[in-house]
Protein backbone atom coordinates (compact mmCIF):
# COMPACT_ATOMS: atom_id res chain seq x y z
CA SER A 1 0.00 0.00 0.00
CA ARG A 2 1.10 3.65 -0.70
CA PRO A 3 2.30 5.61 2.33
CA ARG A 4 -0.04 8.28 3.59
CA THR A 5 0.83 11.87 2.71
CA SER A 6 1.43 13.81 5.89
CA THR A 7 -0.68 16.86 6.74
CA SER A 8 2.42 19.04 6.86
CA ARG A 9 3.42 17.92 3.38
CA ILE A 10 0.01 18.86 2.02
CA ALA A 11 0.29 22.24 3.69
CA ARG A 12 3.70 22.82 2.15
CA GLY A 13 2.30 21.94 -1.26
CA CYS A 14 -0.55 24.40 -0.85
CA ARG A 15 1.84 27.14 0.16
CA CYS A 16 3.88 26.49 -2.96
CA LEU A 17 0.78 27.12 -5.06
CA VAL A 18 0.08 30.55 -3.54
CA PRO A 19 2.57 32.50 -5.72
CA ARG A 20 1.22 30.79 -8.84
CA ALA A 21 -2.37 31.58 -7.85
CA GLN A 22 -1.44 35.20 -7.22
CA ALA A 23 0.24 35.39 -10.62
CA CYS A 24 -2.90 34.01 -12.27
CA LEU A 25 -5.10 36.57 -10.51
CA GLU A 26 -2.77 39.41 -11.51
CA ALA A 27 -2.83 38.23 -15.13
CA ALA A 28 -6.62 38.15 -15.03
CA ARG A 29 -6.71 41.71 -13.65
CA GLU A 30 -4.38 42.86 -16.44
CA CYS A 31 -6.71 41.32 -19.03
CA VAL A 32 -9.72 43.14 -17.54
CA ASP A 33 -7.80 46.44 -17.44
CA ALA A 34 -6.66 45.99 -21.02
CA VAL A 35 -10.24 45.48 -22.21
CA ARG A 36 -11.44 48.48 -20.18
CA ASP A 37 -8.64 50.70 -21.52
CA GLU A 38 -9.44 49.59 -25.05
CA GLU A 39 -13.08 50.58 -24.55
CA GLN A 40 -12.15 53.92 -23.02
CA ALA A 41 -9.52 54.70 -25.62
CA ALA A 42 -12.19 55.53 -28.22
CA PRO A 43 -11.94 59.35 -28.40
CA TYR A 44 -14.93 61.48 -27.53
CA ASP A 45 -15.62 65.21 -27.03
CA LEU A 46 -17.32 67.04 -24.17
CA THR A 47 -18.25 70.72 -24.27
CA ILE A 48 -18.52 72.31 -20.83
CA GLY A 49 -20.02 75.74 -20.24
CA THR A 50 -19.49 78.13 -17.34
CA ARG A 51 -19.39 81.82 -16.54
CA TYR A 52 -16.27 83.61 -17.72
CA GLU A 53 -14.62 84.35 -14.35
CA LEU A 54 -15.17 80.83 -13.04
CA GLY A 55 -13.96 79.28 -16.27
CA MET A 56 -10.75 81.29 -16.36
CA SER A 57 -9.88 80.79 -12.68
CA PHE A 58 -11.12 77.24 -12.05
CA VAL A 59 -11.80 75.24 -15.22
CA LEU A 60 -9.14 76.36 -17.70
CA PRO A 61 -6.18 75.70 -15.32
CA ALA A 62 -7.44 72.13 -14.82
CA ILE A 63 -7.77 71.17 -18.50
CA ALA A 64 -4.12 70.15 -19.02
CA ASP A 65 -4.23 67.72 -16.08
CA LEU A 66 -7.61 66.35 -17.15
CA GLU A 67 -6.34 65.69 -20.67
CA ARG A 68 -3.24 63.91 -19.36
CA GLU A 69 -5.40 61.66 -17.20
CA ARG A 70 -7.75 60.74 -20.06
CA PRO A 71 -6.02 61.44 -23.42
CA TRP A 72 -9.01 60.09 -25.35
CA ARG A 73 -11.34 62.69 -23.78
CA ARG A 74 -11.26 66.05 -25.60
CA LEU A 75 -12.63 68.97 -23.61
CA HIS A 76 -14.07 72.18 -25.04
CA MET A 77 -15.33 75.27 -23.22
CA THR A 78 -17.95 77.92 -23.75
CA PHE A 79 -18.97 80.90 -21.62
CA GLY A 80 -22.29 82.45 -20.66
CA ASN A 81 -24.64 83.17 -17.79
CA THR A 82 -26.61 80.40 -16.09
CA PRO A 83 -29.92 80.82 -18.02
CA GLU A 84 -28.00 80.75 -21.35
CA LEU A 85 -26.01 77.67 -20.36
CA LEU A 86 -29.13 75.90 -19.11
CA ARG A 87 -30.84 76.49 -22.46
CA GLN A 88 -27.79 75.22 -24.34
CA ALA A 89 -27.55 72.09 -22.20
CA ARG A 90 -31.21 71.29 -22.75
CA SER A 91 -30.91 71.83 -26.51
CA GLY A 92 -27.75 69.68 -26.71
CA THR A 93 -25.51 72.55 -27.85
CA ILE A 94 -23.27 71.82 -24.83
CA ASP A 95 -22.98 68.64 -22.79
CA ALA A 96 -22.90 70.18 -19.30
CA PHE A 97 -22.14 73.36 -17.41
CA ILE A 98 -20.51 74.34 -14.13
CA SER A 99 -22.38 76.65 -11.81
CA SER A 100 -23.00 77.42 -8.17
CA ALA A 101 -26.44 78.85 -8.98
CA ARG A 102 -29.41 77.36 -7.17
CA LEU A 103 -31.23 75.32 -9.81
CA THR A 104 -34.72 74.10 -9.04
CA GLN A 105 -35.69 72.84 -12.50
CA GLY A 106 -36.31 69.11 -12.83
CA GLN A 107 -34.76 66.72 -15.32
CA LEU A 108 -31.23 67.75 -14.38
CA ALA A 109 -28.43 65.53 -13.08
CA PHE A 110 -25.49 67.00 -11.23
CA ALA A 111 -22.31 66.17 -9.33
CA SER A 112 -20.81 68.38 -6.63
CA LEU A 113 -17.28 69.60 -7.34
CA HIS A 114 -16.19 71.66 -4.35
CA GLU A 115 -17.50 74.09 -1.79
CA GLU A 116 -17.77 77.78 -2.59
CA LYS A 117 -17.66 80.32 0.24
CA TYR A 118 -18.89 83.90 0.10
CA VAL A 119 -18.04 87.22 1.75
CA PHE A 120 -19.87 90.54 2.07
CA VAL A 121 -17.42 93.27 0.95
CA ALA A 122 -16.96 96.97 0.33
CA ALA A 123 -14.11 99.41 -0.24
CA PRO A 124 -12.56 100.65 3.05
CA ALA A 125 -12.90 104.30 1.96
CA LEU A 126 -16.63 103.84 1.37
CA LEU A 127 -17.14 102.27 4.80
CA LYS A 128 -15.16 105.06 6.43
CA ARG A 129 -17.52 107.65 4.91
CA ARG A 130 -20.69 105.60 5.39
CA PRO A 131 -20.43 102.74 7.91
CA LEU A 132 -22.62 99.69 7.39
CA ARG A 133 -23.13 98.06 10.78
CA ARG A 134 -26.87 97.41 10.92
CA PRO A 135 -29.84 96.99 8.52
CA GLY A 136 -30.85 100.64 8.93
CA ASP A 137 -27.50 101.76 7.46
CA ALA A 138 -28.33 100.05 4.13
CA ALA A 139 -30.37 103.05 2.98
CA GLU A 140 -27.09 104.95 2.55
CA HIS A 141 -25.60 102.31 0.23
CA THR A 142 -25.94 100.80 -3.24
CA LEU A 143 -26.17 97.01 -3.45
CA LEU A 144 -24.26 95.54 -6.41
CA GLU A 145 -25.75 92.32 -7.83
CA THR A 146 -25.74 89.97 -10.81
CA ALA A 147 -29.54 89.78 -11.22
CA ARG A 148 -32.73 91.33 -9.89
CA ASP A 149 -33.61 88.35 -7.66
CA LEU A 150 -30.39 89.08 -5.68
CA PRO A 151 -28.88 85.58 -5.89
CA LEU A 152 -25.62 86.54 -4.16
CA PHE A 153 -27.00 88.76 -1.42
CA ARG A 154 -29.27 85.85 -0.43
CA TYR A 155 -26.21 84.02 0.93
CA PHE A 156 -26.00 86.81 3.51
CA LEU A 157 -29.75 87.00 4.15
CA ASP A 158 -29.92 83.21 4.72
CA VAL A 159 -27.86 83.51 7.91
CA ARG A 160 -29.53 86.67 9.27
CA PRO A 161 -32.64 86.80 11.48
CA PRO A 162 -35.76 86.48 9.29
CA THR A 163 -37.25 89.59 10.89
CA GLU A 164 -34.45 91.84 9.57
CA VAL A 165 -35.30 94.20 6.71
CA TRP A 166 -32.47 95.26 4.41
CA SER A 167 -33.60 98.15 2.22
CA PHE A 168 -30.77 99.65 0.15
CA GLY A 169 -30.82 103.15 -1.27
CA HIS A 170 -30.16 101.70 -4.74
CA THR A 171 -29.54 98.31 -6.36
CA GLN A 172 -27.31 98.10 -9.43
CA ILE A 173 -27.51 94.98 -11.61
CA LEU A 174 -24.20 94.19 -13.32
CA GLY A 175 -24.70 90.69 -14.71
CA GLY A 176 -21.48 89.10 -13.40
CA ILE A 177 -19.04 88.99 -10.51
CA GLY A 178 -16.24 90.65 -12.52
CA PRO A 179 -18.09 93.96 -12.94
CA MET A 180 -19.34 93.73 -9.36
CA ARG A 181 -15.79 93.46 -8.04
CA GLU A 182 -14.63 96.42 -10.15
CA ARG A 183 -17.49 98.60 -8.93
CA ALA A 184 -16.86 97.57 -5.32
CA LEU A 185 -13.16 98.43 -5.63
CA SER A 186 -14.10 101.87 -6.93
CA GLY A 187 -16.31 102.50 -3.90
CA ALA A 188 -19.55 102.44 -5.88
CA GLY A 189 -21.36 99.97 -3.65
CA VAL A 190 -21.38 96.91 -1.41
CA CYS A 191 -21.83 93.30 -2.51
CA VAL A 192 -21.53 89.60 -1.72
CA LEU A 193 -18.86 87.83 -3.80
CA PRO A 194 -17.17 84.40 -3.84
CA LEU A 195 -14.31 84.37 -1.36
CA TYR A 196 -11.82 82.90 -3.85
CA PHE A 197 -12.52 85.80 -6.21
CA VAL A 198 -11.65 88.58 -3.75
CA ALA A 199 -9.21 86.81 -1.39
CA GLN A 200 -6.26 88.86 -2.70
CA ASP A 201 -8.23 92.10 -2.44
CA LEU A 202 -9.00 91.33 1.20
CA LYS A 203 -5.37 90.45 1.89
CA THR A 204 -4.11 93.72 0.41
CA LYS A 205 -6.97 95.67 2.07
CA ARG A 206 -8.38 96.92 -1.22
CA LEU A 207 -11.67 95.50 0.06
CA SER A 208 -12.94 95.00 3.61
CA ALA A 209 -15.22 92.23 4.85
CA LEU A 210 -18.51 93.32 6.40
CA PHE A 211 -20.01 91.45 9.38
CA GLU A 212 -16.87 89.31 9.68
CA ALA A 213 -18.23 87.37 12.66
CA GLN A 214 -21.14 86.23 10.50
CA LYS A 215 -20.21 83.23 8.35
CA LEU A 216 -22.23 83.37 5.15
CA ALA A 217 -24.09 80.35 3.86
CA PRO A 218 -21.81 78.34 1.55
CA ASP A 219 -22.76 76.68 -1.71
CA TRP A 220 -21.13 74.24 -4.12
CA PHE A 221 -19.76 74.33 -7.61
CA ARG A 222 -21.69 71.67 -9.52
CA LEU A 223 -21.35 70.00 -12.89
CA VAL A 224 -24.91 69.96 -14.29
CA TRP A 225 -26.30 68.09 -17.31
CA PRO A 226 -29.69 66.82 -18.56
CA LYS A 227 -30.85 63.51 -17.15
CA GLY A 228 -30.52 60.68 -19.64
CA HIS A 229 -27.47 62.23 -21.33
CA PRO A 230 -25.70 59.55 -23.46
CA ARG A 231 -22.40 60.45 -21.76
CA ASP A 232 -23.80 60.35 -18.22
CA ALA A 233 -21.07 57.98 -16.96
CA GLU A 234 -18.30 60.03 -18.59
CA LEU A 235 -19.64 63.28 -17.09
CA ARG A 236 -19.70 61.74 -13.62
CA GLU A 237 -16.13 60.56 -14.13
CA LEU A 238 -15.12 64.06 -15.25
CA ALA A 239 -16.68 65.58 -12.10
């Protein structure tokens, strides 16, 4: 009769197979990755819209890195305000757009990109002539805004007592944060702007923060596109 194989011998044999099993699993993973890369390597284009200031400061500097990560994905940009970009996304003229605007329309998919903080600012010389310390002082000031529904000033109102009434002497609509910043620097009015956009102005004291103890409500940059978009997976990957 054949001698029995000892338990320890069987164990040694199993251990010898471990490196071979690991090599087989690694080879299988390489095959899966190769197939996936082959599928992804088919080139495709995405056109992303955003407002000019955000595109120049946030999107454009990222394009080189994004193209290196996915050479088969070609990115294009276009600029406009949120209503324009929303219309273009719905019509298929662009694939998606980046915005921090509060969008309530249905049939939109989105992915959050990163938090955007806001600050209430004015030129120091303006505040020296006409302090703004309480709601009643607003009558002596002009509020600078992008649109008549005051989308930026709402970030300040959201964290104030609901009983407060802010009634400004004038409201000037400028259509974008670039013109708002320029008017604020000139002492023409007060406004709420994204912190990233005026951080250097605050550091150099060209602008002063109002109600510094009051942290304004933050928001998020979002990549937005129509639900059911044929490149839904690719847009989520881009985000």
